[in-house]
Every structure is written in structure tokens, then in C-alpha cells.
Amino acid sequence: MPYREKPIEKLYYSIGEAAEMLDVPVSTVRFWENEFSILKPMKNKKGNRMFTPGDIKNLKIIHHLLKDEGMTIPGVRKKLSGKWEDIEYKYEINESLSRIKSLLLDLRDNI
């Protein structure tokens, strides 16, 4: 198996980088920022949004609920106002399973 370096985790991500990670337009990230109270990115002196890794995780959870689960924006708002720990736990499980699947597919392709 080839050596892979651990991806570098930055302290702050621009809105363009966040949108690229989620494969959505920048305008969608801006819209979600206005729709969901859990998204509060910092702004630098120029007014550019700077997303922390925690903000990116919240964006990924929102993206998962909207795109993969097929929920509506009011439905996601309602779900996020409930038990946040349960939502975060289920998301973490989903991410772990995706990483395991990717690793297994990589192993299969290299045999």
C-alpha cells in the first residue's frame, strides 16, 4: 500500500475552500450561513469569511442532511435544534464508514 501523508488541517478556511470541500457553489454556503444559526464564521479585516474546522464540520453535517438525507431547510433547522449529540454521533459514524469503504476499495484495487 502506498504511503499517504496525513492531510494538513488548517486553522481557517476561506469560503471558496469550504464550498470546494462540499462541492457546492459559494452562494450556497453564504445562504446556509444565513439560514442556520450554528454557522458563525469569523470575518477578517477585509470582511472575508474564515471558517474553522468546527464550522466545516457543521457545514458537512448540514450538507449531509440536505443532500444525502433529502431533508428540507426547515426540517434540518428543526433537527439541529434537537439533540445535537445524536446528530453529530450519527454523522461521525457515517464519515468513519465512508473512510473504511474508501480504504477497502483502495486495497482491492491494489491487489
PDB file of N, CA and C in Angstrom:
ATOM      1  N   MET A   1       0.856  -1.174   0.000  1.00  0.00           N
ATOM      2  CA  MET A   1       0.000   0.000   0.000  1.00  0.00           C
ATOM      3  C   MET A   1       0.900   1.234   0.000  1.00  0.00           C
ATOM      4  N   PRO A   2       0.602   2.211  -0.860  1.00  0.00           N
ATOM      5  CA  PRO A   2       1.452   3.394  -0.944  1.00  0.00           C
ATOM      6  C   PRO A   2       1.339   4.245   0.323  1.00  0.00           C
ATOM      7  N   TYR A   3       2.420   4.940   0.605  1.00  0.00           N
ATOM      8  CA  TYR A   3       2.470   5.829   1.759  1.00  0.00           C
ATOM      9  C   TYR A   3       1.619   7.060   1.488  1.00  0.00           C
ATOM     10  N   ARG A   4       0.795   7.396   2.463  1.00  0.00           N
ATOM     11  CA  ARG A   4      -0.015   8.608   2.338  1.00  0.00           C
ATOM     12  C   ARG A   4       0.274   9.513   3.513  1.00  0.00           C
ATOM     13  N   GLU A   5       0.540  10.741   3.219  1.00  0.00           N
ATOM     14  CA  GLU A   5       0.745  11.697   4.293  1.00  0.00           C
ATOM     15  C   GLU A   5      -0.607  12.139   4.815  1.00  0.00           C
ATOM     16  N   LYS A   6      -0.630  12.435   6.100  1.00  0.00           N
ATOM     17  CA  LYS A   6      -1.851  12.923   6.719  1.00  0.00           C
ATOM     18  C   LYS A   6      -2.182  14.289   6.134  1.00  0.00           C
ATOM     19  N   PRO A   7      -3.439  14.512   5.749  1.00  0.00           N
ATOM     20  CA  PRO A   7      -3.781  15.815   5.178  1.00  0.00           C
ATOM     21  C   PRO A   7      -3.555  16.932   6.203  1.00  0.00           C
ATOM     22  N   ILE A   8      -3.070  18.038   5.730  1.00  0.00           N
ATOM     23  CA  ILE A   8      -2.801  19.175   6.602  1.00  0.00           C
ATOM     24  C   ILE A   8      -4.120  19.839   6.962  1.00  0.00           C
ATOM     25  N   GLU A   9      -4.335  20.026   8.254  1.00  0.00           N
ATOM     26  CA  GLU A   9      -5.548  20.700   8.694  1.00  0.00           C
ATOM     27  C   GLU A   9      -5.209  22.146   9.028  1.00  0.00           C
ATOM     28  N   LYS A  10      -5.870  23.038   8.365  1.00  0.00           N
ATOM     29  CA  LYS A  10      -5.621  24.456   8.550  1.00  0.00           C
ATOM     30  C   LYS A  10      -6.445  24.977   9.726  1.00  0.00           C
ATOM     31  N   LEU A  11      -6.071  26.143  10.227  1.00  0.00           N
ATOM     32  CA  LEU A  11      -6.838  26.772  11.296  1.00  0.00           C
ATOM     33  C   LEU A  11      -8.079  27.470  10.750  1.00  0.00           C
ATOM     34  N   TYR A  12      -7.964  28.027   9.548  1.00  0.00           N
ATOM     35  CA  TYR A  12      -9.083  28.730   8.929  1.00  0.00           C
ATOM     36  C   TYR A  12      -9.151  28.394   7.448  1.00  0.00           C
ATOM     37  N   TYR A  13     -10.365  28.305   6.948  1.00  0.00           N
ATOM     38  CA  TYR A  13     -10.606  28.027   5.535  1.00  0.00           C
ATOM     39  C   TYR A  13     -11.434  29.166   4.953  1.00  0.00           C
ATOM     40  N   SER A  14     -11.144  29.530   3.728  1.00  0.00           N
ATOM     41  CA  SER A  14     -11.937  30.561   3.062  1.00  0.00           C
ATOM     42  C   SER A  14     -13.272  29.961   2.629  1.00  0.00           C
ATOM     43  N   ILE A  15     -14.187  30.819   2.248  1.00  0.00           N
ATOM     44  CA  ILE A  15     -15.494  30.342   1.816  1.00  0.00           C
ATOM     45  C   ILE A  15     -15.364  29.525   0.524  1.00  0.00           C
ATOM     46  N   GLY A  16     -14.408  29.890  -0.316  1.00  0.00           N
ATOM     47  CA  GLY A  16     -14.173  29.127  -1.541  1.00  0.00           C
ATOM     48  C   GLY A  16     -13.685  27.720  -1.247  1.00  0.00           C
ATOM     49  N   GLU A  17     -12.775  27.597  -0.282  1.00  0.00           N
ATOM     50  CA  GLU A  17     -12.280  26.275   0.103  1.00  0.00           C
ATOM     51  C   GLU A  17     -13.386  25.435   0.719  1.00  0.00           C
ATOM     52  N   ALA A  18     -14.232  26.067   1.538  1.00  0.00           N
ATOM     53  CA  ALA A  18     -15.348  25.351   2.153  1.00  0.00           C
ATOM     54  C   ALA A  18     -16.313  24.854   1.084  1.00  0.00           C
ATOM     55  N   ALA A  19     -16.628  25.707   0.123  1.00  0.00           N
ATOM     56  CA  ALA A  19     -17.534  25.322  -0.957  1.00  0.00           C
ATOM     57  C   ALA A  19     -16.942  24.198  -1.793  1.00  0.00           C
ATOM     58  N   GLU A  20     -15.634  24.250  -2.032  1.00  0.00           N
ATOM     59  CA  GLU A  20     -14.974  23.209  -2.821  1.00  0.00           C
ATOM     60  C   GLU A  20     -14.997  21.866  -2.088  1.00  0.00           C
ATOM     61  N   MET A  21     -14.810  21.887  -0.767  1.00  0.00           N
ATOM     62  CA  MET A  21     -14.864  20.648   0.015  1.00  0.00           C
ATOM     63  C   MET A  21     -16.227  19.972  -0.087  1.00  0.00           C
ATOM     64  N   LEU A  22     -17.272  20.779  -0.150  1.00  0.00           N
ATOM     65  CA  LEU A  22     -18.636  20.252  -0.193  1.00  0.00           C
ATOM     66  C   LEU A  22     -19.153  20.075  -1.617  1.00  0.00           C
ATOM     67  N   ASP A  23     -18.400  20.571  -2.589  1.00  0.00           N
ATOM     68  CA  ASP A  23     -18.797  20.525  -3.989  1.00  0.00           C
ATOM     69  C   ASP A  23     -20.128  21.247  -4.219  1.00  0.00           C
ATOM     70  N   VAL A  24     -20.213  22.441  -3.635  1.00  0.00           N
ATOM     71  CA  VAL A  24     -21.385  23.301  -3.816  1.00  0.00           C
ATOM     72  C   VAL A  24     -20.888  24.694  -4.192  1.00  0.00           C
ATOM     73  N   PRO A  25     -21.734  25.525  -4.780  1.00  0.00           N
ATOM     74  CA  PRO A  25     -21.322  26.901  -5.095  1.00  0.00           C
ATOM     75  C   PRO A  25     -21.113  27.730  -3.823  1.00  0.00           C
ATOM     76  N   VAL A  26     -20.304  28.756  -3.917  1.00  0.00           N
ATOM     77  CA  VAL A  26     -20.041  29.647  -2.783  1.00  0.00           C
ATOM     78  C   VAL A  26     -21.340  30.286  -2.300  1.00  0.00           C
ATOM     79  N   SER A  27     -22.235  30.602  -3.218  1.00  0.00           N
ATOM     80  CA  SER A  27     -23.505  31.228  -2.846  1.00  0.00           C
ATOM     81  C   SER A  27     -24.328  30.319  -1.943  1.00  0.00           C
ATOM     82  N   THR A  28     -24.199  29.017  -2.116  1.00  0.00           N
ATOM     83  CA  THR A  28     -24.927  28.071  -1.276  1.00  0.00           C
ATOM     84  C   THR A  28     -24.407  28.133   0.155  1.00  0.00           C
ATOM     85  N   VAL A  29     -23.102  28.221   0.315  1.00  0.00           N
ATOM     86  CA  VAL A  29     -22.519  28.316   1.663  1.00  0.00           C
ATOM     87  C   VAL A  29     -22.978  29.614   2.326  1.00  0.00           C
ATOM     88  N   ARG A  30     -22.996  30.718   1.573  1.00  0.00           N
ATOM     89  CA  ARG A  30     -23.471  32.001   2.107  1.00  0.00           C
ATOM     90  C   ARG A  30     -24.942  31.891   2.527  1.00  0.00           C
ATOM     91  N   PHE A  31     -25.741  31.222   1.703  1.00  0.00           N
ATOM     92  CA  PHE A  31     -27.161  31.048   2.010  1.00  0.00           C
ATOM     93  C   PHE A  31     -27.337  30.238   3.288  1.00  0.00           C
ATOM     94  N   TRP A  32     -26.592  29.131   3.406  1.00  0.00           N
ATOM     95  CA  TRP A  32     -26.694  28.304   4.607  1.00  0.00           C
ATOM     96  C   TRP A  32     -26.269  29.076   5.848  1.00  0.00           C
ATOM     97  N   GLU A  33     -25.296  29.961   5.698  1.00  0.00           N
ATOM     98  CA  GLU A  33     -24.849  30.775   6.836  1.00  0.00           C
ATOM     99  C   GLU A  33     -26.001  31.625   7.361  1.00  0.00           C
ATOM    100  N   ASN A  34     -26.822  32.137   6.454  1.00  0.00           N
ATOM    101  CA  ASN A  34     -27.968  32.950   6.862  1.00  0.00           C
ATOM    102  C   ASN A  34     -29.111  32.111   7.412  1.00  0.00           C
ATOM    103  N   GLU A  35     -29.217  30.874   6.976  1.00  0.00           N
ATOM    104  CA  GLU A  35     -30.334  30.019   7.360  1.00  0.00           C
ATOM    105  C   GLU A  35     -30.124  29.267   8.675  1.00  0.00           C
ATOM    106  N   PHE A  36     -28.879  28.962   9.018  1.00  0.00           N
ATOM    107  CA  PHE A  36     -28.604  28.123  10.180  1.00  0.00           C
ATOM    108  C   PHE A  36     -27.775  28.882  11.207  1.00  0.00           C
ATOM    109  N   SER A  37     -28.292  28.938  12.427  1.00  0.00           N
ATOM    110  CA  SER A  37     -27.626  29.719  13.477  1.00  0.00           C
ATOM    111  C   SER A  37     -26.325  29.084  13.957  1.00  0.00           C
ATOM    112  N   ILE A  38     -26.087  27.800  13.684  1.00  0.00           N
ATOM    113  CA  ILE A  38     -24.849  27.163  14.142  1.00  0.00           C
ATOM    114  C   ILE A  38     -23.651  27.588  13.296  1.00  0.00           C
ATOM    115  N   LEU A  39     -23.908  28.213  12.155  1.00  0.00           N
ATOM    116  CA  LEU A  39     -22.817  28.673  11.286  1.00  0.00           C
ATOM    117  C   LEU A  39     -22.528  30.141  11.565  1.00  0.00           C
ATOM    118  N   LYS A  40     -21.426  30.382  12.245  1.00  0.00           N
ATOM    119  CA  LYS A  40     -20.997  31.748  12.547  1.00  0.00           C
ATOM    120  C   LYS A  40     -19.511  31.875  12.237  1.00  0.00           C
ATOM    121  N   PRO A  41     -19.155  31.963  10.942  1.00  0.00           N
ATOM    122  CA  PRO A  41     -17.729  32.087  10.623  1.00  0.00           C
ATOM    123  C   PRO A  41     -17.187  33.454  11.046  1.00  0.00           C
ATOM    124  N   MET A  42     -15.901  33.468  11.370  1.00  0.00           N
ATOM    125  CA  MET A  42     -15.236  34.734  11.685  1.00  0.00           C
ATOM    126  C   MET A  42     -15.051  35.512  10.391  1.00  0.00           C
ATOM    127  N   LYS A  43     -14.874  36.802  10.533  1.00  0.00           N
ATOM    128  CA  LYS A  43     -14.567  37.625   9.362  1.00  0.00           C
ATOM    129  C   LYS A  43     -13.275  38.372   9.639  1.00  0.00           C
ATOM    130  N   ASN A  44     -12.411  38.412   8.623  1.00  0.00           N
ATOM    131  CA  ASN A  44     -11.142  39.135   8.792  1.00  0.00           C
ATOM    132  C   ASN A  44     -11.366  40.630   8.559  1.00  0.00           C
ATOM    133  N   LYS A  45     -10.302  41.398   8.547  1.00  0.00           N
ATOM    134  CA  LYS A  45     -10.417  42.853   8.400  1.00  0.00           C
ATOM    135  C   LYS A  45     -11.062  43.263   7.084  1.00  0.00           C
ATOM    136  N   LYS A  46     -10.871  42.444   6.060  1.00  0.00           N
ATOM    137  CA  LYS A  46     -11.482  42.729   4.757  1.00  0.00           C
ATOM    138  C   LYS A  46     -12.951  42.326   4.699  1.00  0.00           C
ATOM    139  N   GLY A  47     -13.399  41.556   5.671  1.00  0.00           N
ATOM    140  CA  GLY A  47     -14.774  41.084   5.671  1.00  0.00           C
ATOM    141  C   GLY A  47     -14.940  39.700   5.062  1.00  0.00           C
ATOM    142  N   ASN A  48     -13.807  39.046   4.741  1.00  0.00           N
ATOM    143  CA  ASN A  48     -13.873  37.688   4.188  1.00  0.00           C
ATOM    144  C   ASN A  48     -14.217  36.693   5.291  1.00  0.00           C
ATOM    145  N   ARG A  49     -15.067  35.754   4.965  1.00  0.00           N
ATOM    146  CA  ARG A  49     -15.441  34.728   5.931  1.00  0.00           C
ATOM    147  C   ARG A  49     -14.289  33.748   6.114  1.00  0.00           C
ATOM    148  N   MET A  50     -14.013  33.412   7.370  1.00  0.00           N
ATOM    149  CA  MET A  50     -12.966  32.458   7.701  1.00  0.00           C
ATOM    150  C   MET A  50     -13.596  31.338   8.537  1.00  0.00           C
ATOM    151  N   PHE A  51     -13.677  30.158   7.949  1.00  0.00           N
ATOM    152  CA  PHE A  51     -14.325  29.022   8.600  1.00  0.00           C
ATOM    153  C   PHE A  51     -13.307  28.184   9.364  1.00  0.00           C
ATOM    154  N   THR A  52     -13.625  27.856  10.621  1.00  0.00           N
ATOM    155  CA  THR A  52     -12.780  26.982  11.429  1.00  0.00           C
ATOM    156  C   THR A  52     -13.102  25.528  11.065  1.00  0.00           C
ATOM    157  N   PRO A  53     -12.272  24.574  11.484  1.00  0.00           N
ATOM    158  CA  PRO A  53     -12.613  23.169  11.247  1.00  0.00           C
ATOM    159  C   PRO A  53     -13.973  22.779  11.844  1.00  0.00           C
ATOM    160  N   GLY A  54     -14.342  23.396  12.965  1.00  0.00           N
ATOM    161  CA  GLY A  54     -15.667  23.148  13.550  1.00  0.00           C
ATOM    162  C   GLY A  54     -16.791  23.634  12.645  1.00  0.00           C
ATOM    163  N   ASP A  55     -16.584  24.803  12.031  1.00  0.00           N
ATOM    164  CA  ASP A  55     -17.569  25.319  11.079  1.00  0.00           C
ATOM    165  C   ASP A  55     -17.679  24.402   9.868  1.00  0.00           C
ATOM    166  N   ILE A  56     -16.544  23.887   9.408  1.00  0.00           N
ATOM    167  CA  ILE A  56     -16.543  22.973   8.254  1.00  0.00           C
ATOM    168  C   ILE A  56     -17.319  21.707   8.599  1.00  0.00           C
ATOM    169  N   LYS A  57     -17.112  21.212   9.808  1.00  0.00           N
ATOM    170  CA  LYS A  57     -17.840  20.013  10.245  1.00  0.00           C
ATOM    171  C   LYS A  57     -19.346  20.284  10.263  1.00  0.00           C
ATOM    172  N   ASN A  58     -19.746  21.443  10.784  1.00  0.00           N
ATOM    173  CA  ASN A  58     -21.166  21.808  10.798  1.00  0.00           C
ATOM    174  C   ASN A  58     -21.709  21.927   9.381  1.00  0.00           C
ATOM    175  N   LEU A  59     -20.922  22.505   8.477  1.00  0.00           N
ATOM    176  CA  LEU A  59     -21.344  22.602   7.075  1.00  0.00           C
ATOM    177  C   LEU A  59     -21.527  21.214   6.470  1.00  0.00           C
ATOM    178  N   LYS A  60     -20.608  20.300   6.788  1.00  0.00           N
ATOM    179  CA  LYS A  60     -20.713  18.941   6.253  1.00  0.00           C
ATOM    180  C   LYS A  60     -21.956  18.238   6.790  1.00  0.00           C
ATOM    181  N   ILE A  61     -22.285  18.466   8.064  1.00  0.00           N
ATOM    182  CA  ILE A  61     -23.496  17.864   8.641  1.00  0.00           C
ATOM    183  C   ILE A  61     -24.730  18.418   7.943  1.00  0.00           C
ATOM    184  N   ILE A  62     -24.777  19.732   7.755  1.00  0.00           N
ATOM    185  CA  ILE A  62     -25.914  20.349   7.066  1.00  0.00           C
ATOM    186  C   ILE A  62     -26.010  19.819   5.641  1.00  0.00           C
ATOM    187  N   HIS A  63     -24.882  19.741   4.953  1.00  0.00           N
ATOM    188  CA  HIS A  63     -24.853  19.223   3.584  1.00  0.00           C
ATOM    189  C   HIS A  63     -25.367  17.789   3.543  1.00  0.00           C
ATOM    190  N   HIS A  64     -24.933  16.970   4.490  1.00  0.00           N
ATOM    191  CA  HIS A  64     -25.368  15.574   4.548  1.00  0.00           C
ATOM    192  C   HIS A  64     -26.886  15.490   4.754  1.00  0.00           C
ATOM    193  N   LEU A  65     -27.406  16.280   5.685  1.00  0.00           N
ATOM    194  CA  LEU A  65     -28.846  16.227   5.960  1.00  0.00           C
ATOM    195  C   LEU A  65     -29.664  16.717   4.767  1.00  0.00           C
ATOM    196  N   LEU A  66     -29.193  17.765   4.104  1.00  0.00           N
ATOM    197  CA  LEU A  66     -29.939  18.310   2.968  1.00  0.00           C
ATOM    198  C   LEU A  66     -29.817  17.443   1.713  1.00  0.00           C
ATOM    199  N   LYS A  67     -28.601  17.074   1.368  1.00  0.00           N
ATOM    200  CA  LYS A  67     -28.375  16.391   0.090  1.00  0.00           C
ATOM    201  C   LYS A  67     -28.535  14.878   0.182  1.00  0.00           C
ATOM    202  N   ASP A  68     -27.934  14.254   1.204  1.00  0.00           N
ATOM    203  CA  ASP A  68     -27.971  12.792   1.298  1.00  0.00           C
ATOM    204  C   ASP A  68     -29.266  12.284   1.922  1.00  0.00           C
ATOM    205  N   GLU A  69     -29.715  12.959   2.972  1.00  0.00           N
ATOM    206  CA  GLU A  69     -30.946  12.528   3.649  1.00  0.00           C
ATOM    207  C   GLU A  69     -32.201  13.080   2.969  1.00  0.00           C
ATOM    208  N   GLY A  70     -32.042  14.107   2.149  1.00  0.00           N
ATOM    209  CA  GLY A  70     -33.174  14.662   1.412  1.00  0.00           C
ATOM    210  C   GLY A  70     -34.098  15.525   2.254  1.00  0.00           C
ATOM    211  N   MET A  71     -33.585  16.066   3.334  1.00  0.00           N
ATOM    212  CA  MET A  71     -34.415  16.891   4.205  1.00  0.00           C
ATOM    213  C   MET A  71     -34.558  18.303   3.625  1.00  0.00           C
ATOM    214  N   THR A  72     -35.577  19.005   4.094  1.00  0.00           N
ATOM    215  CA  THR A  72     -35.774  20.396   3.700  1.00  0.00           C
ATOM    216  C   THR A  72     -35.039  21.299   4.691  1.00  0.00           C
ATOM    217  N   ILE A  73     -34.895  22.568   4.333  1.00  0.00           N
ATOM    218  CA  ILE A  73     -34.215  23.506   5.234  1.00  0.00           C
ATOM    219  C   ILE A  73     -34.963  23.651   6.554  1.00  0.00           C
ATOM    220  N   PRO A  74     -36.293  23.815   6.550  1.00  0.00           N
ATOM    221  CA  PRO A  74     -36.983  23.862   7.851  1.00  0.00           C
ATOM    222  C   PRO A  74     -36.833  22.549   8.641  1.00  0.00           C
ATOM    223  N   GLY A  75     -36.806  21.425   7.939  1.00  0.00           N
ATOM    224  CA  GLY A  75     -36.615  20.141   8.603  1.00  0.00           C
ATOM    225  C   GLY A  75     -35.247  20.029   9.250  1.00  0.00           C
ATOM    226  N   VAL A  76     -34.219  20.509   8.552  1.00  0.00           N
ATOM    227  CA  VAL A  76     -32.862  20.488   9.107  1.00  0.00           C
ATOM    228  C   VAL A  76     -32.775  21.428  10.301  1.00  0.00           C
ATOM    229  N   ARG A  77     -33.389  22.620  10.194  1.00  0.00           N
ATOM    230  CA  ARG A  77     -33.387  23.561  11.316  1.00  0.00           C
ATOM    231  C   ARG A  77     -34.005  22.926  12.555  1.00  0.00           C
ATOM    232  N   LYS A  78     -35.129  22.233  12.344  1.00  0.00           N
ATOM    233  CA  LYS A  78     -35.819  21.578  13.456  1.00  0.00           C
ATOM    234  C   LYS A  78     -34.953  20.467  14.045  1.00  0.00           C
ATOM    235  N   LYS A  79     -34.326  19.683  13.181  1.00  0.00           N
ATOM    236  CA  LYS A  79     -33.489  18.584  13.645  1.00  0.00           C
ATOM    237  C   LYS A  79     -32.275  19.113  14.411  1.00  0.00           C
ATOM    238  N   LEU A  80     -31.663  20.194  13.933  1.00  0.00           N
ATOM    239  CA  LEU A  80     -30.492  20.761  14.595  1.00  0.00           C
ATOM    240  C   LEU A  80     -30.840  21.404  15.932  1.00  0.00           C
ATOM    241  N   SER A  81     -32.097  21.783  16.121  1.00  0.00           N
ATOM    242  CA  SER A  81     -32.495  22.369  17.400  1.00  0.00           C
ATOM    243  C   SER A  81     -32.724  21.287  18.452  1.00  0.00           C
ATOM    244  N   GLY A  82     -32.758  20.033  18.023  1.00  0.00           N
ATOM    245  CA  GLY A  82     -32.950  18.918  18.949  1.00  0.00           C
ATOM    246  C   GLY A  82     -31.656  18.495  19.594  1.00  0.00           C
ATOM    247  N   LYS A  83     -31.475  17.190  19.697  1.00  0.00           N
ATOM    248  CA  LYS A  83     -30.280  16.642  20.348  1.00  0.00           C
ATOM    249  C   LYS A  83     -29.097  16.691  19.395  1.00  0.00           C
ATOM    250  N   TRP A  84     -28.232  17.669  19.606  1.00  0.00           N
ATOM    251  CA  TRP A  84     -27.082  17.868  18.732  1.00  0.00           C
ATOM    252  C   TRP A  84     -26.113  16.698  18.823  1.00  0.00           C
ATOM    253  N   GLU A  85     -25.967  16.102  20.012  1.00  0.00           N
ATOM    254  CA  GLU A  85     -25.025  14.997  20.200  1.00  0.00           C
ATOM    255  C   GLU A  85     -25.393  13.808  19.317  1.00  0.00           C
ATOM    256  N   ASP A  86     -26.688  13.513  19.216  1.00  0.00           N
ATOM    257  CA  ASP A  86     -27.137  12.395  18.386  1.00  0.00           C
ATOM    258  C   ASP A  86     -26.822  12.634  16.914  1.00  0.00           C
ATOM    259  N   ILE A  87     -27.057  13.848  16.451  1.00  0.00           N
ATOM    260  CA  ILE A  87     -26.802  14.195  15.054  1.00  0.00           C
ATOM    261  C   ILE A  87     -25.306  14.087  14.763  1.00  0.00           C
ATOM    262  N   GLU A  88     -24.503  14.628  15.667  1.00  0.00           N
ATOM    263  CA  GLU A  88     -23.063  14.603  15.479  1.00  0.00           C
ATOM    264  C   GLU A  88     -22.536  13.166  15.522  1.00  0.00           C
ATOM    265  N   TYR A  89     -23.076  12.350  16.426  1.00  0.00           N
ATOM    266  CA  TYR A  89     -22.650  10.953  16.552  1.00  0.00           C
ATOM    267  C   TYR A  89     -22.960  10.175  15.273  1.00  0.00           C
ATOM    268  N   LYS A  90     -24.166  10.342  14.742  1.00  0.00           N
ATOM    269  CA  LYS A  90     -24.545   9.642  13.513  1.00  0.00           C
ATOM    270  C   LYS A  90     -23.696  10.101  12.333  1.00  0.00           C
ATOM    271  N   TYR A  91     -23.373  11.383  12.295  1.00  0.00           N
ATOM    272  CA  TYR A  91     -22.525  11.899  11.221  1.00  0.00           C
ATOM    273  C   TYR A  91     -21.127  11.299  11.319  1.00  0.00           C
ATOM    274  N   GLU A  92     -20.584  11.239  12.526  1.00  0.00           N
ATOM    275  CA  GLU A  92     -19.249  10.662  12.721  1.00  0.00           C
ATOM    276  C   GLU A  92     -19.209   9.202  12.283  1.00  0.00           C
ATOM    277  N   ILE A  93     -20.253   8.449  12.599  1.00  0.00           N
ATOM    278  CA  ILE A  93     -20.328   7.044  12.172  1.00  0.00           C
ATOM    279  C   ILE A  93     -20.347   6.959  10.655  1.00  0.00           C
ATOM    280  N   ASN A  94     -21.142   7.799  10.022  1.00  0.00           N
ATOM    281  CA  ASN A  94     -21.229   7.817   8.565  1.00  0.00           C
ATOM    282  C   ASN A  94     -19.879   8.146   7.936  1.00  0.00           C
ATOM    283  N   GLU A  95     -19.167   9.126   8.495  1.00  0.00           N
ATOM    284  CA  GLU A  95     -17.846   9.501   7.985  1.00  0.00           C
ATOM    285  C   GLU A  95     -16.846   8.362   8.162  1.00  0.00           C
ATOM    286  N   SER A  96     -16.883   7.687   9.303  1.00  0.00           N
ATOM    287  CA  SER A  96     -15.969   6.567   9.553  1.00  0.00           C
ATOM    288  C   SER A  96     -16.213   5.443   8.567  1.00  0.00           C
ATOM    289  N   LEU A  97     -17.475   5.134   8.333  1.00  0.00           N
ATOM    290  CA  LEU A  97     -17.807   4.077   7.374  1.00  0.00           C
ATOM    291  C   LEU A  97     -17.370   4.450   5.966  1.00  0.00           C
ATOM    292  N   SER A  98     -17.487   5.718   5.618  1.00  0.00           N
ATOM    293  CA  SER A  98     -17.038   6.161   4.288  1.00  0.00           C
ATOM    294  C   SER A  98     -15.531   6.016   4.144  1.00  0.00           C
ATOM    295  N   ARG A  99     -14.790   6.359   5.198  1.00  0.00           N
ATOM    296  CA  ARG A  99     -13.334   6.210   5.149  1.00  0.00           C
ATOM    297  C   ARG A  99     -12.932   4.741   5.050  1.00  0.00           C
ATOM    298  N   ILE A 100     -13.617   3.879   5.794  1.00  0.00           N
ATOM    299  CA  ILE A 100     -13.324   2.441   5.742  1.00  0.00           C
ATOM    300  C   ILE A 100     -13.622   1.891   4.354  1.00  0.00           C
ATOM    301  N   LYS A 101     -14.747   2.310   3.771  1.00  0.00           N
ATOM    302  CA  LYS A 101     -15.099   1.864   2.428  1.00  0.00           C
ATOM    303  C   LYS A 101     -14.040   2.295   1.421  1.00  0.00           C
ATOM    304  N   SER A 102     -13.594   3.534   1.541  1.00  0.00           N
ATOM    305  CA  SER A 102     -12.563   4.044   0.636  1.00  0.00           C
ATOM    306  C   SER A 102     -11.274   3.251   0.788  1.00  0.00           C
ATOM    307  N   LEU A 103     -10.889   2.950   2.008  1.00  0.00           N
ATOM    308  CA  LEU A 103      -9.678   2.168   2.262  1.00  0.00           C
ATOM    309  C   LEU A 103      -9.799   0.765   1.677  1.00  0.00           C
ATOM    310  N   LEU A 104     -10.946   0.130   1.877  1.00  0.00           N
ATOM    311  CA  LEU A 104     -11.149  -1.219   1.352  1.00  0.00           C
ATOM    312  C   LEU A 104     -11.141  -1.245  -0.178  1.00  0.00           C
ATOM    313  N   LEU A 105     -11.753  -0.233  -0.790  1.00  0.00           N
ATOM    314  CA  LEU A 105     -11.742  -0.159  -2.253  1.00  0.00           C
ATOM    315  C   LEU A 105     -10.328   0.070  -2.768  1.00  0.00           C
ATOM    316  N   ASP A 106      -9.556   0.872  -2.046  1.00  0.00           N
ATOM    317  CA  ASP A 106      -8.163   1.127  -2.421  1.00  0.00           C
ATOM    318  C   ASP A 106      -7.344  -0.162  -2.313  1.00  0.00           C
ATOM    319  N   LEU A 107      -7.569  -0.907  -1.237  1.00  0.00           N
ATOM    320  CA  LEU A 107      -6.876  -2.190  -1.070  1.00  0.00           C
ATOM    321  C   LEU A 107      -7.229  -3.157  -2.187  1.00  0.00           C
ATOM    322  N   ARG A 108      -8.520  -3.230  -2.510  1.00  0.00           N
ATOM    323  CA  ARG A 108      -8.969  -4.123  -3.565  1.00  0.00           C
ATOM    324  C   ARG A 108      -8.324  -3.783  -4.902  1.00  0.00           C
ATOM    325  N   ASP A 109      -8.235  -2.504  -5.189  1.00  0.00           N
ATOM    326  CA  ASP A 109      -7.675  -2.067  -6.471  1.00  0.00           C
ATOM    327  C   ASP A 109      -6.164  -2.290  -6.565  1.00  0.00           C
ATOM    328  N   ASN A 110      -5.503  -2.349  -5.425  1.00  0.00           N
ATOM    329  CA  ASN A 110      -4.046  -2.536  -5.422  1.00  0.00           C
ATOM    330  C   ASN A 110      -3.617  -3.990  -5.293  1.00  0.00           C
ATOM    331  N   ILE A 111      -4.554  -4.905  -5.194  1.00  0.00           N
ATOM    332  CA  ILE A 111      -4.198  -6.335  -5.089  1.00  0.00           C
ATOM    333  C   ILE A 111      -4.007  -6.906  -6.469  1.00  0.00           C
TER     334      ILE A 111
END
